[in-house]
């Protein structure tokens, strides 16, 4: 996406800046007191910083918060097309944080962003005190979709007709149907922002490239050795990631815990941002003792 052309009216725009950290040019939003506990927010596949539009300013009252657009998503320019898989994305996010001297106390991820958060917690020299996942996408697609979906994603990522597909999906009615398919209901602003994302060729290419290179096998094998406590919040109406996925993953961790939220879907943190921010705040305080 082009900031000069499409950045007007972007949520929390005043917190935005651009950072060159090889190989990408990152769009990052940062807010809150510099001496406060640090929280890193990671959106899911196909999302962007807009996903935290209600959570970031709430948390920034008493935390230093950083939220990047992941490589190829939103306004972050993908610098290497082969670095959209989970290990590479985590490595590049760690390099960004090192360049910014930002050592998070808590890493929060939504959906695929939760997988990145857990990978970071496993690999960082200075791991966070806590990982929080909202509807963490930690299970492979079942049955036929387990092998068919990655193949489709690879084909679409290389297909020049992707822009045409994106333009058709970005109509107001289509966006509403896509969001309803996750089990969530979000406000008109949220729907409009997803429409802007889906209509952008570079963003769609970035999301498809991430999906095409994605594999959770190594992460799931490594979860039993994770030393960092993890709280996995699962919404009961989530139609994209069943709550059982979070519960099973938490059970494989040394200090994992799963919590169900009724009445919300896959975008629970967008449907109920105040509740999400308070859950992050309360968990961060509970694990604040080193």
C-alpha atoms as a PDB file:
ATOM      1  CA  UNK A   1       0.000   0.000   0.000  1.00  0.00           C
ATOM      2  CA  UNK A   2       1.097   3.558  -0.696  1.00  0.00           C
ATOM      3  CA  UNK A   3       1.141   5.710   2.429  1.00  0.00           C
ATOM      4  CA  UNK A   4       1.006   8.996   0.516  1.00  0.00           C
ATOM      5  CA  UNK A   5      -2.045   7.845  -1.413  1.00  0.00           C
ATOM      6  CA  UNK A   6      -3.788   5.502   1.045  1.00  0.00           C
ATOM      7  CA  UNK A   7      -2.556   6.528   4.494  1.00  0.00           C
ATOM      8  CA  UNK A   8      -5.089   9.306   5.041  1.00  0.00           C
ATOM      9  CA  UNK A   9      -7.464   8.381   7.827  1.00  0.00           C
ATOM     10  CA  UNK A  10      -5.494   5.289   8.840  1.00  0.00           C
ATOM     11  CA  UNK A  11      -6.216   4.413  12.487  1.00  0.00           C
ATOM     12  CA  UNK A  12      -3.657   5.807  14.970  1.00  0.00           C
ATOM     13  CA  UNK A  13      -1.895   7.522  12.077  1.00  0.00           C
ATOM     14  CA  UNK A  14      -0.098   9.876  14.485  1.00  0.00           C
ATOM     15  CA  UNK A  15       1.763   6.853  15.908  1.00  0.00           C
ATOM     16  CA  UNK A  16       2.995   5.688  12.489  1.00  0.00           C
ATOM     17  CA  UNK A  17       6.514   5.825  11.131  1.00  0.00           C
ATOM     18  CA  UNK A  18       8.639   3.917   8.635  1.00  0.00           C
ATOM     19  CA  UNK A  19      11.798   2.003   9.506  1.00  0.00           C
ATOM     20  CA  UNK A  20      14.377   0.483   7.191  1.00  0.00           C
ATOM     21  CA  UNK A  21      15.385  -2.847   8.689  1.00  0.00           C
ATOM     22  CA  UNK A  22      16.710  -5.272   6.128  1.00  0.00           C
ATOM     23  CA  UNK A  23      15.309  -6.668   4.046  1.00  0.00           C
ATOM     24  CA  UNK A  24      12.013  -4.810   4.519  1.00  0.00           C
ATOM     25  CA  UNK A  25      10.774  -1.240   4.843  1.00  0.00           C
ATOM     26  CA  UNK A  26       8.506  -1.509   7.860  1.00  0.00           C
ATOM     27  CA  UNK A  27       5.427   0.482   8.769  1.00  0.00           C
ATOM     28  CA  UNK A  28       5.340   0.583  12.569  1.00  0.00           C
ATOM     29  CA  UNK A  29       3.035   2.228  15.049  1.00  0.00           C
ATOM     30  CA  UNK A  30       4.495   3.038  18.464  1.00  0.00           C
ATOM     31  CA  UNK A  31       2.909   4.841  21.394  1.00  0.00           C
ATOM     32  CA  UNK A  32       3.030   5.115  25.161  1.00  0.00           C
ATOM     33  CA  UNK A  33       5.586   6.170  27.796  1.00  0.00           C
ATOM     34  CA  UNK A  34       9.140   5.214  26.866  1.00  0.00           C
ATOM     35  CA  UNK A  35       9.882   3.931  30.374  1.00  0.00           C
ATOM     36  CA  UNK A  36       6.725   1.786  30.667  1.00  0.00           C
ATOM     37  CA  UNK A  37       6.510  -2.015  30.242  1.00  0.00           C
ATOM     38  CA  UNK A  38       6.772  -2.949  26.579  1.00  0.00           C
ATOM     39  CA  UNK A  39       4.167  -4.778  24.525  1.00  0.00           C
ATOM     40  CA  UNK A  40       4.544  -5.976  20.931  1.00  0.00           C
ATOM     41  CA  UNK A  41       1.307  -6.470  18.947  1.00  0.00           C
ATOM     42  CA  UNK A  42       1.344  -8.768  15.886  1.00  0.00           C
ATOM     43  CA  UNK A  43      -1.632  -8.970  13.541  1.00  0.00           C
ATOM     44  CA  UNK A  44      -2.679 -12.063  11.596  1.00  0.00           C
ATOM     45  CA  UNK A  45      -2.413 -13.052   7.934  1.00  0.00           C
ATOM     46  CA  UNK A  46      -4.244 -10.602   5.699  1.00  0.00           C
ATOM     47  CA  UNK A  47      -4.445  -7.973   8.456  1.00  0.00           C
ATOM     48  CA  UNK A  48      -2.448  -4.877   9.357  1.00  0.00           C
ATOM     49  CA  UNK A  49      -1.982  -2.427  12.223  1.00  0.00           C
ATOM     50  CA  UNK A  50      -5.629  -1.399  11.840  1.00  0.00           C
ATOM     51  CA  UNK A  51      -6.457  -4.665  13.614  1.00  0.00           C
ATOM     52  CA  UNK A  52      -5.225  -3.105  16.889  1.00  0.00           C
ATOM     53  CA  UNK A  53      -6.932   0.266  16.333  1.00  0.00           C
ATOM     54  CA  UNK A  54      -8.867   0.030  19.594  1.00  0.00           C
ATOM     55  CA  UNK A  55      -6.314  -1.928  21.625  1.00  0.00           C
ATOM     56  CA  UNK A  56      -3.171   0.130  20.941  1.00  0.00           C
ATOM     57  CA  UNK A  57      -4.309   3.530  22.333  1.00  0.00           C
ATOM     58  CA  UNK A  58      -5.870   1.847  25.365  1.00  0.00           C
ATOM     59  CA  UNK A  59      -2.694  -0.073  26.238  1.00  0.00           C
ATOM     60  CA  UNK A  60      -0.517   2.956  25.484  1.00  0.00           C
ATOM     61  CA  UNK A  61      -1.924   4.708  28.562  1.00  0.00           C
ATOM     62  CA  UNK A  62       0.440   2.675  30.738  1.00  0.00           C
ATOM     63  CA  UNK A  63       2.590   0.622  28.336  1.00  0.00           C
ATOM     64  CA  UNK A  64       5.043   1.303  25.537  1.00  0.00           C
ATOM     65  CA  UNK A  65       3.373  -0.400  22.580  1.00  0.00           C
ATOM     66  CA  UNK A  66       4.779  -1.324  19.178  1.00  0.00           C
ATOM     67  CA  UNK A  67       2.637  -2.711  16.353  1.00  0.00           C
ATOM     68  CA  UNK A  68       4.196  -3.379  12.928  1.00  0.00           C
ATOM     69  CA  UNK A  69       2.598  -4.303   9.647  1.00  0.00           C
ATOM     70  CA  UNK A  70       4.072  -7.736   8.949  1.00  0.00           C
ATOM     71  CA  UNK A  71       6.202  -8.085   5.778  1.00  0.00           C
ATOM     72  CA  UNK A  72       4.118  -7.662   2.632  1.00  0.00           C
ATOM     73  CA  UNK A  73       1.086  -6.552   4.635  1.00  0.00           C
ATOM     74  CA  UNK A  74      -0.439  -3.095   4.868  1.00  0.00           C
ATOM     75  CA  UNK A  75       2.235  -0.459   4.392  1.00  0.00           C
ATOM     76  CA  UNK A  76       5.295  -2.676   5.048  1.00  0.00           C
ATOM     77  CA  UNK A  77       7.146  -3.238   1.782  1.00  0.00           C
ATOM     78  CA  UNK A  78       8.316  -6.816   1.343  1.00  0.00           C
ATOM     79  CA  UNK A  79      12.036  -6.710   0.618  1.00  0.00           C
ATOM     80  CA  UNK A  80      12.611 -10.387  -0.161  1.00  0.00           C
ATOM     81  CA  UNK A  81       9.855 -12.521  -1.616  1.00  0.00           C
ATOM     82  CA  UNK A  82      11.132 -15.738  -0.017  1.00  0.00           C
ATOM     83  CA  UNK A  83      11.023 -14.347   3.548  1.00  0.00           C
ATOM     84  CA  UNK A  84       7.294 -14.674   4.173  1.00  0.00           C
ATOM     85  CA  UNK A  85       7.388 -18.005   6.028  1.00  0.00           C
ATOM     86  CA  UNK A  86       7.198 -18.318   9.809  1.00  0.00           C
ATOM     87  CA  UNK A  87      10.931 -18.672  10.692  1.00  0.00           C
ATOM     88  CA  UNK A  88      12.014 -15.839   8.371  1.00  0.00           C
ATOM     89  CA  UNK A  89       9.211 -13.534   9.485  1.00  0.00           C
ATOM     90  CA  UNK A  90      10.150 -14.086  13.133  1.00  0.00           C
ATOM     91  CA  UNK A  91      13.851 -13.488  12.391  1.00  0.00           C
ATOM     92  CA  UNK A  92      13.090 -10.250  10.579  1.00  0.00           C
ATOM     93  CA  UNK A  93      10.749  -9.052  13.331  1.00  0.00           C
ATOM     94  CA  UNK A  94      13.494  -9.760  15.884  1.00  0.00           C
ATOM     95  CA  UNK A  95      15.958  -7.746  13.778  1.00  0.00           C
ATOM     96  CA  UNK A  96      13.487  -4.858  13.655  1.00  0.00           C
ATOM     97  CA  UNK A  97      13.130  -4.861  17.435  1.00  0.00           C
ATOM     98  CA  UNK A  98      16.900  -5.005  17.899  1.00  0.00           C
ATOM     99  CA  UNK A  99      17.344  -2.048  15.555  1.00  0.00           C
ATOM    100  CA  UNK A 100      14.773  -0.108  17.577  1.00  0.00           C
ATOM    101  CA  UNK A 101      16.172  -1.246  20.950  1.00  0.00           C
ATOM    102  CA  UNK A 102      12.707  -2.546  21.769  1.00  0.00           C
ATOM    103  CA  UNK A 103      12.800  -5.621  24.019  1.00  0.00           C
ATOM    104  CA  UNK A 104       9.166  -6.597  24.638  1.00  0.00           C
ATOM    105  CA  UNK A 105       7.997  -7.763  28.033  1.00  0.00           C
ATOM    106  CA  UNK A 106       4.853  -9.180  26.453  1.00  0.00           C
ATOM    107  CA  UNK A 107       4.264 -10.317  22.874  1.00  0.00           C
ATOM    108  CA  UNK A 108       0.642 -10.470  21.737  1.00  0.00           C
ATOM    109  CA  UNK A 109      -0.394 -12.107  18.486  1.00  0.00           C
ATOM    110  CA  UNK A 110      -3.682 -12.635  16.698  1.00  0.00           C
ATOM    111  CA  UNK A 111      -4.220 -15.772  14.601  1.00  0.00           C
ATOM    112  CA  UNK A 112      -1.036 -16.356  12.555  1.00  0.00           C
ATOM    113  CA  UNK A 113       0.542 -13.473  14.484  1.00  0.00           C
ATOM    114  CA  UNK A 114       0.334 -15.686  17.578  1.00  0.00           C
ATOM    115  CA  UNK A 115       2.510 -18.253  15.799  1.00  0.00           C
ATOM    116  CA  UNK A 116       5.067 -15.508  15.104  1.00  0.00           C
ATOM    117  CA  UNK A 117       4.872 -14.464  18.773  1.00  0.00           C
ATOM    118  CA  UNK A 118       5.574 -18.010  19.967  1.00  0.00           C
ATOM    119  CA  UNK A 119       8.435 -18.437  17.480  1.00  0.00           C
ATOM    120  CA  UNK A 120       9.977 -15.209  18.780  1.00  0.00           C
ATOM    121  CA  UNK A 121       9.606 -16.373  22.384  1.00  0.00           C
ATOM    122  CA  UNK A 122      11.402 -19.605  21.519  1.00  0.00           C
ATOM    123  CA  UNK A 123      14.251 -17.993  19.582  1.00  0.00           C
ATOM    124  CA  UNK A 124      14.968 -14.551  21.073  1.00  0.00           C
ATOM    125  CA  UNK A 125      18.111 -14.118  23.166  1.00  0.00           C
ATOM    126  CA  UNK A 126      16.034 -12.079  25.595  1.00  0.00           C
ATOM    127  CA  UNK A 127      12.612 -13.724  25.512  1.00  0.00           C
ATOM    128  CA  UNK A 128       9.491 -11.926  26.746  1.00  0.00           C
ATOM    129  CA  UNK A 129       7.951 -12.676  30.124  1.00  0.00           C
ATOM    130  CA  UNK A 130       4.654 -13.654  28.519  1.00  0.00           C
ATOM    131  CA  UNK A 131       3.031 -14.529  25.193  1.00  0.00           C
ATOM    132  CA  UNK A 132      -0.673 -13.904  24.614  1.00  0.00           C
ATOM    133  CA  UNK A 133      -2.504 -15.322  21.620  1.00  0.00           C
ATOM    134  CA  UNK A 134      -5.959 -14.307  20.437  1.00  0.00           C
ATOM    135  CA  UNK A 135      -7.483 -17.169  18.442  1.00  0.00           C
ATOM    136  CA  UNK A 136      -4.006 -18.518  17.775  1.00  0.00           C
ATOM    137  CA  UNK A 137      -3.765 -20.252  14.401  1.00  0.00           C
ATOM    138  CA  UNK A 138      -1.628 -23.203  15.519  1.00  0.00           C
ATOM    139  CA  UNK A 139      -3.333 -26.075  13.710  1.00  0.00           C
ATOM    140  CA  UNK A 140      -2.952 -27.223  10.133  1.00  0.00           C
ATOM    141  CA  UNK A 141      -5.975 -27.242   7.869  1.00  0.00           C
ATOM    142  CA  UNK A 142      -7.753 -30.602   8.189  1.00  0.00           C
ATOM    143  CA  UNK A 143      -8.145 -33.209   5.486  1.00  0.00           C
ATOM    144  CA  UNK A 144      -8.096 -32.176   1.840  1.00  0.00           C
ATOM    145  CA  UNK A 145      -7.462 -28.507   2.671  1.00  0.00           C
ATOM    146  CA  UNK A 146      -4.258 -29.517   4.426  1.00  0.00           C
ATOM    147  CA  UNK A 147      -2.505 -30.004   1.100  1.00  0.00           C
ATOM    148  CA  UNK A 148      -4.840 -28.219  -1.338  1.00  0.00           C
ATOM    149  CA  UNK A 149      -4.878 -24.772   0.310  1.00  0.00           C
ATOM    150  CA  UNK A 150      -1.080 -24.204   0.272  1.00  0.00           C
ATOM    151  CA  UNK A 151      -0.973 -25.220  -3.411  1.00  0.00           C
ATOM    152  CA  UNK A 152      -3.801 -22.781  -4.242  1.00  0.00           C
ATOM    153  CA  UNK A 153      -2.035 -20.020  -2.316  1.00  0.00           C
ATOM    154  CA  UNK A 154       1.189 -20.596  -4.263  1.00  0.00           C
ATOM    155  CA  UNK A 155      -0.700 -20.434  -7.573  1.00  0.00           C
ATOM    156  CA  UNK A 156      -2.555 -17.257  -6.622  1.00  0.00           C
ATOM    157  CA  UNK A 157       0.599 -15.572  -5.315  1.00  0.00           C
ATOM    158  CA  UNK A 158       2.189 -15.913  -8.769  1.00  0.00           C
ATOM    159  CA  UNK A 159      -0.954 -15.125 -10.785  1.00  0.00           C
ATOM    160  CA  UNK A 160      -1.299 -11.684 -12.407  1.00  0.00           C
ATOM    161  CA  UNK A 161      -5.091 -12.044 -12.126  1.00  0.00           C
ATOM    162  CA  UNK A 162      -4.812 -11.717  -8.341  1.00  0.00           C
ATOM    163  CA  UNK A 163      -5.579  -8.000  -8.656  1.00  0.00           C
ATOM    164  CA  UNK A 164      -8.839  -8.801 -10.439  1.00  0.00           C
ATOM    165  CA  UNK A 165      -9.793 -11.296  -7.750  1.00  0.00           C
ATOM    166  CA  UNK A 166      -8.964  -8.698  -5.080  1.00  0.00           C
ATOM    167  CA  UNK A 167     -11.092  -6.012  -6.725  1.00  0.00           C
ATOM    168  CA  UNK A 168     -14.088  -8.339  -6.761  1.00  0.00           C
ATOM    169  CA  UNK A 169     -13.601  -9.339  -3.133  1.00  0.00           C
ATOM    170  CA  UNK A 170     -13.290  -5.751  -1.966  1.00  0.00           C
ATOM    171  CA  UNK A 171     -16.900  -4.749  -2.565  1.00  0.00           C
ATOM    172  CA  UNK A 172     -18.753  -3.797   0.600  1.00  0.00           C
ATOM    173  CA  UNK A 173     -21.009  -6.848   0.458  1.00  0.00           C
ATOM    174  CA  UNK A 174     -18.096  -9.214  -0.205  1.00  0.00           C
ATOM    175  CA  UNK A 175     -16.057  -7.829   2.688  1.00  0.00           C
ATOM    176  CA  UNK A 176     -19.025  -8.168   5.018  1.00  0.00           C
ATOM    177  CA  UNK A 177     -19.459 -11.806   3.953  1.00  0.00           C
ATOM    178  CA  UNK A 178     -15.754 -12.524   4.477  1.00  0.00           C
ATOM    179  CA  UNK A 179     -15.833 -11.097   7.993  1.00  0.00           C
ATOM    180  CA  UNK A 180     -19.072 -12.880   8.858  1.00  0.00           C
ATOM    181  CA  UNK A 181     -17.364 -16.080   7.741  1.00  0.00           C
ATOM    182  CA  UNK A 182     -14.950 -15.686  10.658  1.00  0.00           C
ATOM    183  CA  UNK A 183     -17.786 -15.608  13.184  1.00  0.00           C
ATOM    184  CA  UNK A 184     -17.188 -11.924  13.967  1.00  0.00           C
ATOM    185  CA  UNK A 185     -19.195  -8.760  13.548  1.00  0.00           C
ATOM    186  CA  UNK A 186     -17.224  -5.531  13.399  1.00  0.00           C
ATOM    187  CA  UNK A 187     -18.203  -1.915  12.869  1.00  0.00           C
ATOM    188  CA  UNK A 188     -18.450  -0.063   9.561  1.00  0.00           C
ATOM    189  CA  UNK A 189     -14.981   1.469  10.005  1.00  0.00           C
ATOM    190  CA  UNK A 190     -13.454  -1.972  10.371  1.00  0.00           C
ATOM    191  CA  UNK A 191     -15.239  -3.281   7.295  1.00  0.00           C
ATOM    192  CA  UNK A 192     -14.086  -0.272   5.267  1.00  0.00           C
ATOM    193  CA  UNK A 193     -10.481  -0.786   6.369  1.00  0.00           C
ATOM    194  CA  UNK A 194     -10.527  -4.440   5.370  1.00  0.00           C
ATOM    195  CA  UNK A 195     -11.993  -3.342   2.048  1.00  0.00           C
ATOM    196  CA  UNK A 196      -9.037  -1.008   1.518  1.00  0.00           C
ATOM    197  CA  UNK A 197      -6.607  -3.819   2.292  1.00  0.00           C
ATOM    198  CA  UNK A 198      -8.287  -6.407   0.087  1.00  0.00           C
ATOM    199  CA  UNK A 199      -8.440  -4.009  -2.859  1.00  0.00           C
ATOM    200  CA  UNK A 200      -4.667  -3.443  -2.792  1.00  0.00           C
ATOM    201  CA  UNK A 201      -2.662  -5.781  -5.045  1.00  0.00           C
ATOM    202  CA  UNK A 202       0.574  -5.593  -3.016  1.00  0.00           C
ATOM    203  CA  UNK A 203      -1.220  -6.407   0.234  1.00  0.00           C
ATOM    204  CA  UNK A 204      -3.082  -9.351  -1.303  1.00  0.00           C
ATOM    205  CA  UNK A 205       0.157 -10.648  -2.832  1.00  0.00           C
ATOM    206  CA  UNK A 206       1.889 -10.331   0.542  1.00  0.00           C
ATOM    207  CA  UNK A 207      -0.856 -12.211   2.371  1.00  0.00           C
ATOM    208  CA  UNK A 208      -0.943 -15.001  -0.225  1.00  0.00           C
ATOM    209  CA  UNK A 209       2.835 -15.276  -0.224  1.00  0.00           C
ATOM    210  CA  UNK A 210       2.770 -15.662   3.564  1.00  0.00           C
ATOM    211  CA  UNK A 211       0.156 -18.414   3.323  1.00  0.00           C
ATOM    212  CA  UNK A 212       2.051 -20.171   0.539  1.00  0.00           C
ATOM    213  CA  UNK A 213       5.275 -20.311   2.591  1.00  0.00           C
ATOM    214  CA  UNK A 214       3.607 -21.081   5.919  1.00  0.00           C
ATOM    215  CA  UNK A 215       4.351 -24.217   7.906  1.00  0.00           C
ATOM    216  CA  UNK A 216       3.636 -24.869  11.579  1.00  0.00           C
ATOM    217  CA  UNK A 217       5.369 -28.244  11.851  1.00  0.00           C
ATOM    218  CA  UNK A 218       8.576 -26.986  13.452  1.00  0.00           C
ATOM    219  CA  UNK A 219       6.777 -24.601  15.790  1.00  0.00           C
ATOM    220  CA  UNK A 220       4.386 -27.261  17.033  1.00  0.00           C
ATOM    221  CA  UNK A 221       7.292 -29.639  17.595  1.00  0.00           C
ATOM    222  CA  UNK A 222       9.080 -26.952  19.634  1.00  0.00           C
ATOM    223  CA  UNK A 223       6.143 -25.875  21.829  1.00  0.00           C
ATOM    224  CA  UNK A 224       6.919 -28.411  24.604  1.00  0.00           C
ATOM    225  CA  UNK A 225      10.276 -26.721  25.243  1.00  0.00           C
ATOM    226  CA  UNK A 226       8.838 -23.202  25.509  1.00  0.00           C
ATOM    227  CA  UNK A 227       9.819 -21.782  28.906  1.00  0.00           C
ATOM    228  CA  UNK A 228       7.776 -18.596  28.606  1.00  0.00           C
ATOM    229  CA  UNK A 229       4.222 -18.643  30.008  1.00  0.00           C
ATOM    230  CA  UNK A 230       1.565 -18.426  27.316  1.00  0.00           C
ATOM    231  CA  UNK A 231      -2.083 -17.407  27.578  1.00  0.00           C
ATOM    232  CA  UNK A 232      -4.194 -18.467  24.588  1.00  0.00           C
ATOM    233  CA  UNK A 233      -7.560 -16.711  24.432  1.00  0.00           C
ATOM    234  CA  UNK A 234     -10.062 -18.513  22.205  1.00  0.00           C
ATOM    235  CA  UNK A 235     -13.425 -17.104  21.132  1.00  0.00           C
ATOM    236  CA  UNK A 236     -16.242 -19.636  21.162  1.00  0.00           C
ATOM    237  CA  UNK A 237     -17.838 -18.307  17.936  1.00  0.00           C
ATOM    238  CA  UNK A 238     -14.585 -18.394  15.962  1.00  0.00           C
ATOM    239  CA  UNK A 239     -15.334 -20.087  12.621  1.00  0.00           C
ATOM    240  CA  UNK A 240     -11.708 -19.894  11.429  1.00  0.00           C
ATOM    241  CA  UNK A 241      -9.778 -21.418  14.344  1.00  0.00           C
ATOM    242  CA  UNK A 242     -11.710 -23.719  16.706  1.00  0.00           C
ATOM    243  CA  UNK A 243     -11.170 -23.049  20.435  1.00  0.00           C
ATOM    244  CA  UNK A 244      -9.941 -26.636  20.761  1.00  0.00           C
ATOM    245  CA  UNK A 245      -6.845 -25.625  18.763  1.00  0.00           C
ATOM    246  CA  UNK A 246      -5.759 -23.211  21.502  1.00  0.00           C
ATOM    247  CA  UNK A 247      -6.599 -25.668  24.252  1.00  0.00           C
ATOM    248  CA  UNK A 248      -4.585 -28.446  22.630  1.00  0.00           C
ATOM    249  CA  UNK A 249      -1.597 -26.145  22.050  1.00  0.00           C
ATOM    250  CA  UNK A 250      -1.685 -24.837  25.623  1.00  0.00           C
ATOM    251  CA  UNK A 251      -1.664 -28.421  26.858  1.00  0.00           C
ATOM    252  CA  UNK A 252       1.607 -29.087  25.044  1.00  0.00           C
ATOM    253  CA  UNK A 253       3.404 -26.182  26.720  1.00  0.00           C
ATOM    254  CA  UNK A 254       5.163 -26.170  30.068  1.00  0.00           C
ATOM    255  CA  UNK A 255       3.286 -23.077  31.200  1.00  0.00           C
ATOM    256  CA  UNK A 256       0.400 -22.794  28.782  1.00  0.00           C
ATOM    257  CA  UNK A 257      -3.133 -21.790  29.669  1.00  0.00           C
ATOM    258  CA  UNK A 258      -6.229 -21.493  27.487  1.00  0.00           C
ATOM    259  CA  UNK A 259      -9.236 -19.289  28.170  1.00  0.00           C
ATOM    260  CA  UNK A 260     -12.546 -19.250  26.293  1.00  0.00           C
ATOM    261  CA  UNK A 261     -14.481 -16.062  25.538  1.00  0.00           C
ATOM    262  CA  UNK A 262     -18.171 -16.522  24.698  1.00  0.00           C
ATOM    263  CA  UNK A 263     -20.080 -14.459  22.162  1.00  0.00           C
ATOM    264  CA  UNK A 264     -17.115 -13.419  19.996  1.00  0.00           C
ATOM    265  CA  UNK A 265     -15.526 -14.642  16.770  1.00  0.00           C
ATOM    266  CA  UNK A 266     -12.105 -14.767  15.148  1.00  0.00           C
ATOM    267  CA  UNK A 267     -11.665 -10.980  15.360  1.00  0.00           C
ATOM    268  CA  UNK A 268     -12.488 -10.895  19.075  1.00  0.00           C
ATOM    269  CA  UNK A 269      -9.913  -8.167  19.788  1.00  0.00           C
ATOM    270  CA  UNK A 270     -11.617  -5.935  17.215  1.00  0.00           C
ATOM    271  CA  UNK A 271     -15.120  -6.721  18.423  1.00  0.00           C
ATOM    272  CA  UNK A 272     -14.215  -6.075  22.073  1.00  0.00           C
ATOM    273  CA  UNK A 273     -10.999  -3.974  22.127  1.00  0.00           C
ATOM    274  CA  UNK A 274     -11.484  -2.712  25.687  1.00  0.00           C
ATOM    275  CA  UNK A 275     -11.838  -6.261  26.978  1.00  0.00           C
ATOM    276  CA  UNK A 276      -8.800  -7.357  24.955  1.00  0.00           C
ATOM    277  CA  UNK A 277      -6.668  -4.477  26.241  1.00  0.00           C
ATOM    278  CA  UNK A 278      -7.695  -5.156  29.827  1.00  0.00           C
ATOM    279  CA  UNK A 279      -6.917  -8.870  29.444  1.00  0.00           C
ATOM    280  CA  UNK A 280      -3.435  -8.004  28.153  1.00  0.00           C
ATOM    281  CA  UNK A 281      -2.924  -5.493  30.957  1.00  0.00           C
ATOM    282  CA  UNK A 282      -4.055  -7.906  33.681  1.00  0.00           C
ATOM    283  CA  UNK A 283      -1.936 -10.783  32.377  1.00  0.00           C
ATOM    284  CA  UNK A 284       1.107  -8.518  31.987  1.00  0.00           C
ATOM    285  CA  UNK A 285       0.767  -7.380  35.584  1.00  0.00           C
ATOM    286  CA  UNK A 286       0.376 -10.937  36.805  1.00  0.00           C
ATOM    287  CA  UNK A 287       3.692 -11.902  35.177  1.00  0.00           C
ATOM    288  CA  UNK A 288       5.514  -8.630  35.871  1.00  0.00           C
ATOM    289  CA  UNK A 289       7.728 -10.197  38.521  1.00  0.00           C
ATOM    290  CA  UNK A 290      10.829 -11.512  36.758  1.00  0.00           C
END
